[in-house]
């Protein structure tokens, strides 16, 4: 799991981020603004109050948290399987469960 070491709020619901592996970049969160729990950001001053939580996540007054891994994917353009190699492996257990559930259905 990545950790955010530094964050700075920018205009347009963007964040300038530095991660624990040295990766730096900007995450555009405009697509989240105003939706569900992110309605908190309707006041851009609330968005600017971003802080880094104890696990390297981003938090806004303890009401909204964002996982550092999801931010890392946004900044790097990578996919989850690129930073979590175990996701590349097929699970035989999942196939068994699917067959058990769907195999007896009409």
PDB file of N, CA and C in Angstrom:
ATOM      1  N   UNK A   1       0.846  -1.177   0.000  1.00  0.00           N
ATOM      2  CA  UNK A   1       0.000   0.000   0.000  1.00  0.00           C
ATOM      3  C   UNK A   1       0.891   1.240   0.000  1.00  0.00           C
ATOM      4  N   UNK A   2       0.597   2.125  -0.896  1.00  0.00           N
ATOM      5  CA  UNK A   2       1.329   3.384  -0.986  1.00  0.00           C
ATOM      6  C   UNK A   2       0.873   4.321   0.129  1.00  0.00           C
ATOM      7  N   UNK A   3       1.690   5.329   0.397  1.00  0.00           N
ATOM      8  CA  UNK A   3       1.320   6.374   1.350  1.00  0.00           C
ATOM      9  C   UNK A   3       1.589   7.726   0.711  1.00  0.00           C
ATOM     10  N   UNK A   4       0.696   8.660   0.966  1.00  0.00           N
ATOM     11  CA  UNK A   4       0.915  10.030   0.534  1.00  0.00           C
ATOM     12  C   UNK A   4       1.769  10.697   1.609  1.00  0.00           C
ATOM     13  N   UNK A   5       2.867  11.326   1.178  1.00  0.00           N
ATOM     14  CA  UNK A   5       3.739  12.034   2.114  1.00  0.00           C
ATOM     15  C   UNK A   5       3.458  13.524   2.146  1.00  0.00           C
ATOM     16  N   UNK A   6       3.070  14.075   0.976  1.00  0.00           N
ATOM     17  CA  UNK A   6       2.761  15.508   0.896  1.00  0.00           C
ATOM     18  C   UNK A   6       1.576  15.713  -0.029  1.00  0.00           C
ATOM     19  N   UNK A   7       0.785  16.717   0.312  1.00  0.00           N
ATOM     20  CA  UNK A   7      -0.380  17.049  -0.508  1.00  0.00           C
ATOM     21  C   UNK A   7      -0.561  18.558  -0.514  1.00  0.00           C
ATOM     22  N   UNK A   8      -0.988  19.072  -1.655  1.00  0.00           N
ATOM     23  CA  UNK A   8      -1.329  20.485  -1.776  1.00  0.00           C
ATOM     24  C   UNK A   8      -2.534  20.587  -2.692  1.00  0.00           C
ATOM     25  N   UNK A   9      -3.574  21.254  -2.214  1.00  0.00           N
ATOM     26  CA  UNK A   9      -4.788  21.449  -3.013  1.00  0.00           C
ATOM     27  C   UNK A   9      -4.542  22.524  -4.064  1.00  0.00           C
ATOM     28  N   UNK A  10      -5.026  22.250  -5.270  1.00  0.00           N
ATOM     29  CA  UNK A  10      -4.920  23.180  -6.387  1.00  0.00           C
ATOM     30  C   UNK A  10      -6.324  23.539  -6.862  1.00  0.00           C
ATOM     31  N   UNK A  11      -6.410  24.493  -7.767  1.00  0.00           N
ATOM     32  CA  UNK A  11      -7.703  24.844  -8.359  1.00  0.00           C
ATOM     33  C   UNK A  11      -8.258  23.665  -9.146  1.00  0.00           C
ATOM     34  N   UNK A  12      -9.570  23.678  -9.362  1.00  0.00           N
ATOM     35  CA  UNK A  12     -10.210  22.674 -10.205  1.00  0.00           C
ATOM     36  C   UNK A  12     -10.269  21.295  -9.589  1.00  0.00           C
ATOM     37  N   UNK A  13     -10.290  21.221  -8.267  1.00  0.00           N
ATOM     38  CA  UNK A  13     -10.361  19.932  -7.560  1.00  0.00           C
ATOM     39  C   UNK A  13      -9.198  19.016  -7.933  1.00  0.00           C
ATOM     40  N   UNK A  14      -8.022  19.610  -8.004  1.00  0.00           N
ATOM     41  CA  UNK A  14      -6.810  18.841  -8.267  1.00  0.00           C
ATOM     42  C   UNK A  14      -5.927  18.857  -7.024  1.00  0.00           C
ATOM     43  N   UNK A  15      -5.147  17.798  -6.863  1.00  0.00           N
ATOM     44  CA  UNK A  15      -4.218  17.687  -5.742  1.00  0.00           C
ATOM     45  C   UNK A  15      -2.824  17.392  -6.266  1.00  0.00           C
ATOM     46  N   UNK A  16      -1.862  18.121  -5.768  1.00  0.00           N
ATOM     47  CA  UNK A  16      -0.465  17.828  -6.051  1.00  0.00           C
ATOM     48  C   UNK A  16       0.008  16.878  -4.957  1.00  0.00           C
ATOM     49  N   UNK A  17       0.516  15.715  -5.353  1.00  0.00           N
ATOM     50  CA  UNK A  17       0.838  14.659  -4.395  1.00  0.00           C
ATOM     51  C   UNK A  17       2.281  14.187  -4.524  1.00  0.00           C
ATOM     52  N   UNK A  18       2.840  13.767  -3.380  1.00  0.00           N
ATOM     53  CA  UNK A  18       4.127  13.078  -3.338  1.00  0.00           C
ATOM     54  C   UNK A  18       3.898  11.797  -2.548  1.00  0.00           C
ATOM     55  N   UNK A  19       4.306  10.660  -3.139  1.00  0.00           N
ATOM     56  CA  UNK A  19       4.117   9.353  -2.512  1.00  0.00           C
ATOM     57  C   UNK A  19       5.417   8.848  -1.893  1.00  0.00           C
ATOM     58  N   UNK A  20       5.286   7.832  -1.062  1.00  0.00           N
ATOM     59  CA  UNK A  20       6.429   7.292  -0.325  1.00  0.00           C
ATOM     60  C   UNK A  20       7.480   6.626  -1.202  1.00  0.00           C
ATOM     61  N   UNK A  21       7.167   6.333  -2.456  1.00  0.00           N
ATOM     62  CA  UNK A  21       8.166   5.752  -3.358  1.00  0.00           C
ATOM     63  C   UNK A  21       8.808   6.810  -4.253  1.00  0.00           C
ATOM     64  N   UNK A  22       8.522   8.102  -3.979  1.00  0.00           N
ATOM     65  CA  UNK A  22       9.108   9.197  -4.739  1.00  0.00           C
ATOM     66  C   UNK A  22       8.278   9.676  -5.910  1.00  0.00           C
ATOM     67  N   UNK A  23       7.226   8.960  -6.256  1.00  0.00           N
ATOM     68  CA  UNK A  23       6.354   9.382  -7.357  1.00  0.00           C
ATOM     69  C   UNK A  23       5.668  10.691  -6.967  1.00  0.00           C
ATOM     70  N   UNK A  24       5.662  11.624  -7.915  1.00  0.00           N
ATOM     71  CA  UNK A  24       5.007  12.926  -7.736  1.00  0.00           C
ATOM     72  C   UNK A  24       4.060  13.139  -8.904  1.00  0.00           C
ATOM     73  N   UNK A  25       2.977  13.828  -8.631  1.00  0.00           N
ATOM     74  CA  UNK A  25       2.062  14.122  -9.717  1.00  0.00           C
ATOM     75  C   UNK A  25       0.805  14.792  -9.227  1.00  0.00           C
ATOM     76  N   UNK A  26      -0.091  15.019 -10.162  1.00  0.00           N
ATOM     77  CA  UNK A  26      -1.346  15.702  -9.871  1.00  0.00           C
ATOM     78  C   UNK A  26      -2.506  14.753 -10.112  1.00  0.00           C
ATOM     79  N   UNK A  27      -3.395  14.682  -9.136  1.00  0.00           N
ATOM     80  CA  UNK A  27      -4.616  13.880  -9.262  1.00  0.00           C
ATOM     81  C   UNK A  27      -5.786  14.831  -9.462  1.00  0.00           C
ATOM     82  N   UNK A  28      -6.524  14.634 -10.532  1.00  0.00           N
ATOM     83  CA  UNK A  28      -7.705  15.439 -10.813  1.00  0.00           C
ATOM     84  C   UNK A  28      -8.918  14.712 -10.242  1.00  0.00           C
ATOM     85  N   UNK A  29      -9.577  15.329  -9.267  1.00  0.00           N
ATOM     86  CA  UNK A  29     -10.729  14.718  -8.604  1.00  0.00           C
ATOM     87  C   UNK A  29     -12.033  15.416  -8.959  1.00  0.00           C
ATOM     88  N   UNK A  30     -12.020  16.210 -10.022  1.00  0.00           N
ATOM     89  CA  UNK A  30     -13.210  16.962 -10.418  1.00  0.00           C
ATOM     90  C   UNK A  30     -14.399  16.050 -10.699  1.00  0.00           C
ATOM     91  N   UNK A  31     -14.131  14.818 -11.157  1.00  0.00           N
ATOM     92  CA  UNK A  31     -15.222  13.890 -11.458  1.00  0.00           C
ATOM     93  C   UNK A  31     -15.960  13.433 -10.201  1.00  0.00           C
ATOM     94  N   UNK A  32     -15.355  13.609  -9.033  1.00  0.00           N
ATOM     95  CA  UNK A  32     -15.992  13.210  -7.776  1.00  0.00           C
ATOM     96  C   UNK A  32     -16.750  14.362  -7.115  1.00  0.00           C
ATOM     97  N   UNK A  33     -16.331  15.580  -7.389  1.00  0.00           N
ATOM     98  CA  UNK A  33     -16.873  16.755  -6.703  1.00  0.00           C
ATOM     99  C   UNK A  33     -18.390  16.844  -6.845  1.00  0.00           C
ATOM    100  N   UNK A  34     -19.041  17.073  -5.717  1.00  0.00           N
ATOM    101  CA  UNK A  34     -20.481  17.276  -5.696  1.00  0.00           C
ATOM    102  C   UNK A  34     -21.312  16.009  -5.684  1.00  0.00           C
ATOM    103  N   UNK A  35     -20.678  14.843  -5.746  1.00  0.00           N
ATOM    104  CA  UNK A  35     -21.406  13.570  -5.797  1.00  0.00           C
ATOM    105  C   UNK A  35     -21.331  12.864  -4.451  1.00  0.00           C
ATOM    106  N   UNK A  36     -22.459  12.432  -3.931  1.00  0.00           N
ATOM    107  CA  UNK A  36     -22.495  11.663  -2.683  1.00  0.00           C
ATOM    108  C   UNK A  36     -21.769  12.367  -1.555  1.00  0.00           C
ATOM    109  N   UNK A  37     -20.853  11.648  -0.900  1.00  0.00           N
ATOM    110  CA  UNK A  37     -20.117  12.237   0.220  1.00  0.00           C
ATOM    111  C   UNK A  37     -19.234  13.392  -0.227  1.00  0.00           C
ATOM    112  N   UNK A  38     -18.919  13.446  -1.517  1.00  0.00           N
ATOM    113  CA  UNK A  38     -18.060  14.506  -2.023  1.00  0.00           C
ATOM    114  C   UNK A  38     -18.806  15.829  -2.208  1.00  0.00           C
ATOM    115  N   UNK A  39     -20.082  15.867  -1.857  1.00  0.00           N
ATOM    116  CA  UNK A  39     -20.820  17.134  -1.831  1.00  0.00           C
ATOM    117  C   UNK A  39     -20.180  18.091  -0.829  1.00  0.00           C
ATOM    118  N   UNK A  40     -19.426  17.546   0.112  1.00  0.00           N
ATOM    119  CA  UNK A  40     -18.668  18.365   1.058  1.00  0.00           C
ATOM    120  C   UNK A  40     -17.798  19.376   0.316  1.00  0.00           C
ATOM    121  N   UNK A  41     -17.324  18.989  -0.864  1.00  0.00           N
ATOM    122  CA  UNK A  41     -16.432  19.850  -1.633  1.00  0.00           C
ATOM    123  C   UNK A  41     -17.161  20.929  -2.425  1.00  0.00           C
ATOM    124  N   UNK A  42     -18.484  21.012  -2.312  1.00  0.00           N
ATOM    125  CA  UNK A  42     -19.202  22.073  -3.023  1.00  0.00           C
ATOM    126  C   UNK A  42     -18.651  23.440  -2.640  1.00  0.00           C
ATOM    127  N   UNK A  43     -18.171  23.540  -1.422  1.00  0.00           N
ATOM    128  CA  UNK A  43     -17.436  24.724  -0.979  1.00  0.00           C
ATOM    129  C   UNK A  43     -15.955  24.395  -1.188  1.00  0.00           C
ATOM    130  N   UNK A  44     -15.333  25.017  -2.176  1.00  0.00           N
ATOM    131  CA  UNK A  44     -13.942  24.676  -2.508  1.00  0.00           C
ATOM    132  C   UNK A  44     -13.015  24.862  -1.317  1.00  0.00           C
ATOM    133  N   UNK A  45     -13.386  25.739  -0.391  1.00  0.00           N
ATOM    134  CA  UNK A  45     -12.552  25.913   0.809  1.00  0.00           C
ATOM    135  C   UNK A  45     -12.496  24.623   1.616  1.00  0.00           C
ATOM    136  N   UNK A  46     -13.571  23.847   1.608  1.00  0.00           N
ATOM    137  CA  UNK A  46     -13.568  22.550   2.299  1.00  0.00           C
ATOM    138  C   UNK A  46     -12.600  21.592   1.609  1.00  0.00           C
ATOM    139  N   UNK A  47     -12.577  21.606   0.277  1.00  0.00           N
ATOM    140  CA  UNK A  47     -11.639  20.763  -0.474  1.00  0.00           C
ATOM    141  C   UNK A  47     -10.194  21.099  -0.105  1.00  0.00           C
ATOM    142  N   UNK A  48      -9.926  22.376   0.078  1.00  0.00           N
ATOM    143  CA  UNK A  48      -8.572  22.831   0.390  1.00  0.00           C
ATOM    144  C   UNK A  48      -8.110  22.408   1.781  1.00  0.00           C
ATOM    145  N   UNK A  49      -9.011  21.923   2.618  1.00  0.00           N
ATOM    146  CA  UNK A  49      -8.671  21.500   3.984  1.00  0.00           C
ATOM    147  C   UNK A  49      -8.166  20.060   4.046  1.00  0.00           C
ATOM    148  N   UNK A  50      -7.741  19.513   2.939  1.00  0.00           N
ATOM    149  CA  UNK A  50      -7.251  18.137   2.869  1.00  0.00           C
ATOM    150  C   UNK A  50      -6.078  17.938   3.830  1.00  0.00           C
ATOM    151  N   UNK A  51      -6.064  16.774   4.457  1.00  0.00           N
ATOM    152  CA  UNK A  51      -4.980  16.396   5.364  1.00  0.00           C
ATOM    153  C   UNK A  51      -4.565  14.960   5.069  1.00  0.00           C
ATOM    154  N   UNK A  52      -3.389  14.604   5.540  1.00  0.00           N
ATOM    155  CA  UNK A  52      -2.905  13.227   5.402  1.00  0.00           C
ATOM    156  C   UNK A  52      -3.211  12.491   6.693  1.00  0.00           C
ATOM    157  N   UNK A  53      -3.891  11.348   6.573  1.00  0.00           N
ATOM    158  CA  UNK A  53      -4.244  10.533   7.727  1.00  0.00           C
ATOM    159  C   UNK A  53      -3.092   9.635   8.156  1.00  0.00           C
ATOM    160  N   UNK A  54      -3.275   8.894   9.242  1.00  0.00           N
ATOM    161  CA  UNK A  54      -2.206   8.069   9.812  1.00  0.00           C
ATOM    162  C   UNK A  54      -1.722   6.933   8.911  1.00  0.00           C
ATOM    163  N   UNK A  55      -2.525   6.506   7.963  1.00  0.00           N
ATOM    164  CA  UNK A  55      -2.124   5.422   7.053  1.00  0.00           C
ATOM    165  C   UNK A  55      -1.704   5.935   5.681  1.00  0.00           C
ATOM    166  N   UNK A  56      -1.498   7.253   5.572  1.00  0.00           N
ATOM    167  CA  UNK A  56      -1.110   7.833   4.293  1.00  0.00           C
ATOM    168  C   UNK A  56      -2.277   8.122   3.384  1.00  0.00           C
ATOM    169  N   UNK A  57      -3.494   7.975   3.895  1.00  0.00           N
ATOM    170  CA  UNK A  57      -4.694   8.295   3.124  1.00  0.00           C
ATOM    171  C   UNK A  57      -4.944   9.797   3.210  1.00  0.00           C
ATOM    172  N   UNK A  58      -5.798  10.302   2.336  1.00  0.00           N
ATOM    173  CA  UNK A  58      -6.203  11.699   2.421  1.00  0.00           C
ATOM    174  C   UNK A  58      -7.546  11.766   3.109  1.00  0.00           C
ATOM    175  N   UNK A  59      -7.710  12.782   3.931  1.00  0.00           N
ATOM    176  CA  UNK A  59      -8.954  12.915   4.672  1.00  0.00           C
ATOM    177  C   UNK A  59      -9.385  14.376   4.720  1.00  0.00           C
ATOM    178  N   UNK A  60     -10.674  14.558   4.759  1.00  0.00           N
ATOM    179  CA  UNK A  60     -11.271  15.879   4.875  1.00  0.00           C
ATOM    180  C   UNK A  60     -12.128  15.885   6.129  1.00  0.00           C
ATOM    181  N   UNK A  61     -11.574  16.419   7.195  1.00  0.00           N
ATOM    182  CA  UNK A  61     -12.290  16.580   8.466  1.00  0.00           C
ATOM    183  C   UNK A  61     -12.869  15.259   8.976  1.00  0.00           C
ATOM    184  N   UNK A  62     -12.249  14.149   8.618  1.00  0.00           N
ATOM    185  CA  UNK A  62     -12.731  12.847   9.059  1.00  0.00           C
ATOM    186  C   UNK A  62     -14.049  12.431   8.433  1.00  0.00           C
ATOM    187  N   UNK A  63     -14.548  13.214   7.485  1.00  0.00           N
ATOM    188  CA  UNK A  63     -15.836  12.915   6.845  1.00  0.00           C
ATOM    189  C   UNK A  63     -15.662  12.194   5.508  1.00  0.00           C
ATOM    190  N   UNK A  64     -14.569  12.464   4.841  1.00  0.00           N
ATOM    191  CA  UNK A  64     -14.287  11.861   3.544  1.00  0.00           C
ATOM    192  C   UNK A  64     -12.836  11.390   3.565  1.00  0.00           C
ATOM    193  N   UNK A  65     -12.602  10.154   3.151  1.00  0.00           N
ATOM    194  CA  UNK A  65     -11.247   9.604   3.045  1.00  0.00           C
ATOM    195  C   UNK A  65     -11.038   9.068   1.637  1.00  0.00           C
ATOM    196  N   UNK A  66      -9.816   9.204   1.148  1.00  0.00           N
ATOM    197  CA  UNK A  66      -9.453   8.604  -0.137  1.00  0.00           C
ATOM    198  C   UNK A  66      -8.219   7.735   0.050  1.00  0.00           C
ATOM    199  N   UNK A  67      -8.311   6.532  -0.444  1.00  0.00           N
ATOM    200  CA  UNK A  67      -7.238   5.546  -0.371  1.00  0.00           C
ATOM    201  C   UNK A  67      -6.025   6.029  -1.180  1.00  0.00           C
ATOM    202  N   UNK A  68      -4.827   5.940  -0.609  1.00  0.00           N
ATOM    203  CA  UNK A  68      -3.649   6.379  -1.357  1.00  0.00           C
ATOM    204  C   UNK A  68      -3.397   5.563  -2.624  1.00  0.00           C
ATOM    205  N   UNK A  69      -3.784   4.294  -2.624  1.00  0.00           N
ATOM    206  CA  UNK A  69      -3.575   3.478  -3.826  1.00  0.00           C
ATOM    207  C   UNK A  69      -4.426   3.971  -4.993  1.00  0.00           C
ATOM    208  N   UNK A  70      -5.657   4.365  -4.719  1.00  0.00           N
ATOM    209  CA  UNK A  70      -6.510   4.868  -5.804  1.00  0.00           C
ATOM    210  C   UNK A  70      -5.955   6.181  -6.350  1.00  0.00           C
ATOM    211  N   UNK A  71      -5.400   7.001  -5.478  1.00  0.00           N
ATOM    212  CA  UNK A  71      -4.778   8.251  -5.920  1.00  0.00           C
ATOM    213  C   UNK A  71      -3.522   7.962  -6.742  1.00  0.00           C
ATOM    214  N   UNK A  72      -2.760   6.966  -6.320  1.00  0.00           N
ATOM    215  CA  UNK A  72      -1.545   6.565  -7.031  1.00  0.00           C
ATOM    216  C   UNK A  72      -1.892   6.122  -8.454  1.00  0.00           C
ATOM    217  N   UNK A  73      -2.969   5.369  -8.597  1.00  0.00           N
ATOM    218  CA  UNK A  73      -3.401   4.930  -9.926  1.00  0.00           C
ATOM    219  C   UNK A  73      -3.770   6.122 -10.792  1.00  0.00           C
ATOM    220  N   UNK A  74      -4.438   7.096 -10.215  1.00  0.00           N
ATOM    221  CA  UNK A  74      -4.811   8.296 -10.981  1.00  0.00           C
ATOM    222  C   UNK A  74      -3.575   9.065 -11.434  1.00  0.00           C
ATOM    223  N   UNK A  75      -2.611   9.204 -10.538  1.00  0.00           N
ATOM    224  CA  UNK A  75      -1.414   9.983 -10.846  1.00  0.00           C
ATOM    225  C   UNK A  75      -0.543   9.289 -11.887  1.00  0.00           C
ATOM    226  N   UNK A  76      -0.370   7.992 -11.760  1.00  0.00           N
ATOM    227  CA  UNK A  76       0.545   7.258 -12.642  1.00  0.00           C
ATOM    228  C   UNK A  76      -0.100   6.750 -13.921  1.00  0.00           C
ATOM    229  N   UNK A  77      -1.431   6.639 -13.925  1.00  0.00           N
ATOM    230  CA  UNK A  77      -2.115   6.070 -15.080  1.00  0.00           C
ATOM    231  C   UNK A  77      -2.015   4.556 -15.141  1.00  0.00           C
ATOM    232  N   UNK A  78      -1.491   3.959 -14.073  1.00  0.00           N
ATOM    233  CA  UNK A  78      -1.372   2.500 -14.029  1.00  0.00           C
ATOM    234  C   UNK A  78      -2.707   1.871 -13.671  1.00  0.00           C
ATOM    235  N   UNK A  79      -2.783   0.554 -13.872  1.00  0.00           N
ATOM    236  CA  UNK A  79      -3.951  -0.220 -13.459  1.00  0.00           C
ATOM    237  C   UNK A  79      -3.620  -0.938 -12.162  1.00  0.00           C
ATOM    238  N   UNK A  80      -4.645  -1.363 -11.439  1.00  0.00           N
ATOM    239  CA  UNK A  80      -4.448  -2.029 -10.150  1.00  0.00           C
ATOM    240  C   UNK A  80      -3.522  -3.236 -10.279  1.00  0.00           C
ATOM    241  N   UNK A  81      -3.650  -4.001 -11.352  1.00  0.00           N
ATOM    242  CA  UNK A  81      -2.808  -5.196 -11.517  1.00  0.00           C
ATOM    243  C   UNK A  81      -1.333  -4.835 -11.657  1.00  0.00           C
ATOM    244  N   UNK A  82      -1.042  -3.578 -12.041  1.00  0.00           N
ATOM    245  CA  UNK A  82       0.349  -3.143 -12.173  1.00  0.00           C
ATOM    246  C   UNK A  82       1.015  -2.915 -10.820  1.00  0.00           C
ATOM    247  N   UNK A  83       0.246  -2.507  -9.829  1.00  0.00           N
ATOM    248  CA  UNK A  83       0.849  -2.250  -8.518  1.00  0.00           C
ATOM    249  C   UNK A  83       0.524  -3.334  -7.496  1.00  0.00           C
ATOM    250  N   UNK A  84      -0.402  -4.209  -7.833  1.00  0.00           N
ATOM    251  CA  UNK A  84      -0.737  -5.358  -6.984  1.00  0.00           C
ATOM    252  C   UNK A  84      -0.558  -6.627  -7.814  1.00  0.00           C
ATOM    253  N   UNK A  85       0.657  -7.160  -7.889  1.00  0.00           N
ATOM    254  CA  UNK A  85       0.923  -8.324  -8.748  1.00  0.00           C
ATOM    255  C   UNK A  85       0.027  -9.525  -8.465  1.00  0.00           C
ATOM    256  N   UNK A  86      -0.430  -9.692  -7.248  1.00  0.00           N
ATOM    257  CA  UNK A  86      -1.281 -10.845  -6.921  1.00  0.00           C
ATOM    258  C   UNK A  86      -2.596 -10.813  -7.699  1.00  0.00           C
ATOM    259  N   UNK A  87      -3.017  -9.650  -8.152  1.00  0.00           N
ATOM    260  CA  UNK A  87      -4.260  -9.553  -8.924  1.00  0.00           C
ATOM    261  C   UNK A  87      -4.131 -10.215 -10.296  1.00  0.00           C
ATOM    262  N   UNK A  88      -2.904 -10.424 -10.749  1.00  0.00           N
ATOM    263  CA  UNK A  88      -2.683 -11.056 -12.052  1.00  0.00           C
ATOM    264  C   UNK A  88      -2.944 -12.550 -12.011  1.00  0.00           C
ATOM    265  N   UNK A  89      -2.882 -13.133 -10.821  1.00  0.00           N
ATOM    266  CA  UNK A  89      -3.052 -14.573 -10.682  1.00  0.00           C
ATOM    267  C   UNK A  89      -4.532 -14.920 -10.636  1.00  0.00           C
ATOM    268  N   UNK A  90      -4.905 -15.940 -11.374  1.00  0.00           N
ATOM    269  CA  UNK A  90      -6.287 -16.409 -11.328  1.00  0.00           C
ATOM    270  C   UNK A  90      -6.495 -17.205 -10.058  1.00  0.00           C
ATOM    271  N   UNK A  91      -7.641 -17.068  -9.494  1.00  0.00           N
ATOM    272  CA  UNK A  91      -7.955 -17.811  -8.279  1.00  0.00           C
ATOM    273  C   UNK A  91      -8.797 -19.036  -8.627  1.00  0.00           C
ATOM    274  N   UNK A  92      -8.257 -20.205  -8.345  1.00  0.00           N
ATOM    275  CA  UNK A  92      -9.005 -21.444  -8.577  1.00  0.00           C
ATOM    276  C   UNK A  92     -10.209 -21.511  -7.655  1.00  0.00           C
ATOM    277  N   UNK A  93     -10.081 -20.926  -6.473  1.00  0.00           N
ATOM    278  CA  UNK A  93     -11.187 -20.953  -5.512  1.00  0.00           C
ATOM    279  C   UNK A  93     -12.399 -20.192  -6.043  1.00  0.00           C
ATOM    280  N   UNK A  94     -12.169 -19.070  -6.694  1.00  0.00           N
ATOM    281  CA  UNK A  94     -13.278 -18.290  -7.237  1.00  0.00           C
ATOM    282  C   UNK A  94     -14.020 -19.098  -8.298  1.00  0.00           C
ATOM    283  N   UNK A  95     -13.295 -19.840  -9.107  1.00  0.00           N
ATOM    284  CA  UNK A  95     -13.932 -20.657 -10.149  1.00  0.00           C
ATOM    285  C   UNK A  95     -14.797 -21.750  -9.532  1.00  0.00           C
ATOM    286  N   UNK A  96     -14.330 -22.337  -8.462  1.00  0.00           N
ATOM    287  CA  UNK A  96     -15.098 -23.384  -7.786  1.00  0.00           C
ATOM    288  C   UNK A  96     -16.392 -22.818  -7.226  1.00  0.00           C
ATOM    289  N   UNK A  97     -16.315 -21.668  -6.577  1.00  0.00           N
ATOM    290  CA  UNK A  97     -17.508 -21.053  -5.992  1.00  0.00           C
ATOM    291  C   UNK A  97     -18.505 -20.701  -7.085  1.00  0.00           C
ATOM    292  N   UNK A  98     -18.025 -20.132  -8.174  1.00  0.00           N
ATOM    293  CA  UNK A  98     -18.921 -19.768  -9.273  1.00  0.00           C
ATOM    294  C   UNK A  98     -19.597 -21.014  -9.835  1.00  0.00           C
ATOM    295  N   UNK A  99     -18.833 -22.088 -10.026  1.00  0.00           N
ATOM    296  CA  UNK A  99     -19.408 -23.315 -10.571  1.00  0.00           C
ATOM    297  C   UNK A  99     -20.437 -23.894  -9.609  1.00  0.00           C
ATOM    298  N   UNK A 100     -20.148 -23.863  -8.311  1.00  0.00           N
ATOM    299  CA  UNK A 100     -21.086 -24.403  -7.329  1.00  0.00           C
ATOM    300  C   UNK A 100     -22.387 -23.612  -7.332  1.00  0.00           C
ATOM    301  N   UNK A 101     -22.286 -22.289  -7.441  1.00  0.00           N
ATOM    302  CA  UNK A 101     -23.473 -21.452  -7.371  1.00  0.00           C
ATOM    303  C   UNK A 101     -24.276 -21.498  -8.667  1.00  0.00           C
ATOM    304  N   UNK A 102     -23.598 -21.328  -9.774  1.00  0.00           N
ATOM    305  CA  UNK A 102     -24.300 -21.225 -11.048  1.00  0.00           C
ATOM    306  C   UNK A 102     -24.491 -22.572 -11.746  1.00  0.00           C
ATOM    307  N   UNK A 103     -23.678 -23.559 -11.402  1.00  0.00           N
ATOM    308  CA  UNK A 103     -23.739 -24.844 -12.078  1.00  0.00           C
ATOM    309  C   UNK A 103     -25.029 -25.607 -11.837  1.00  0.00           C
ATOM    310  N   UNK A 104     -25.717 -25.349 -10.739  1.00  0.00           N
ATOM    311  CA  UNK A 104     -26.946 -26.079 -10.420  1.00  0.00           C
ATOM    312  C   UNK A 104     -28.198 -25.283 -10.747  1.00  0.00           C
ATOM    313  N   UNK A 105     -28.024 -24.116 -11.330  1.00  0.00           N
ATOM    314  CA  UNK A 105     -29.172 -23.251 -11.648  1.00  0.00           C
ATOM    315  C   UNK A 105     -29.705 -23.545 -13.036  1.00  0.00           C
ATOM    316  N   UNK A 106     -30.993 -23.336 -13.213  1.00  0.00           N
ATOM    317  CA  UNK A 106     -31.598 -23.493 -14.540  1.00  0.00           C
ATOM    318  C   UNK A 106     -31.579 -22.180 -15.280  1.00  0.00           C
TER     319      UNK A 106
END
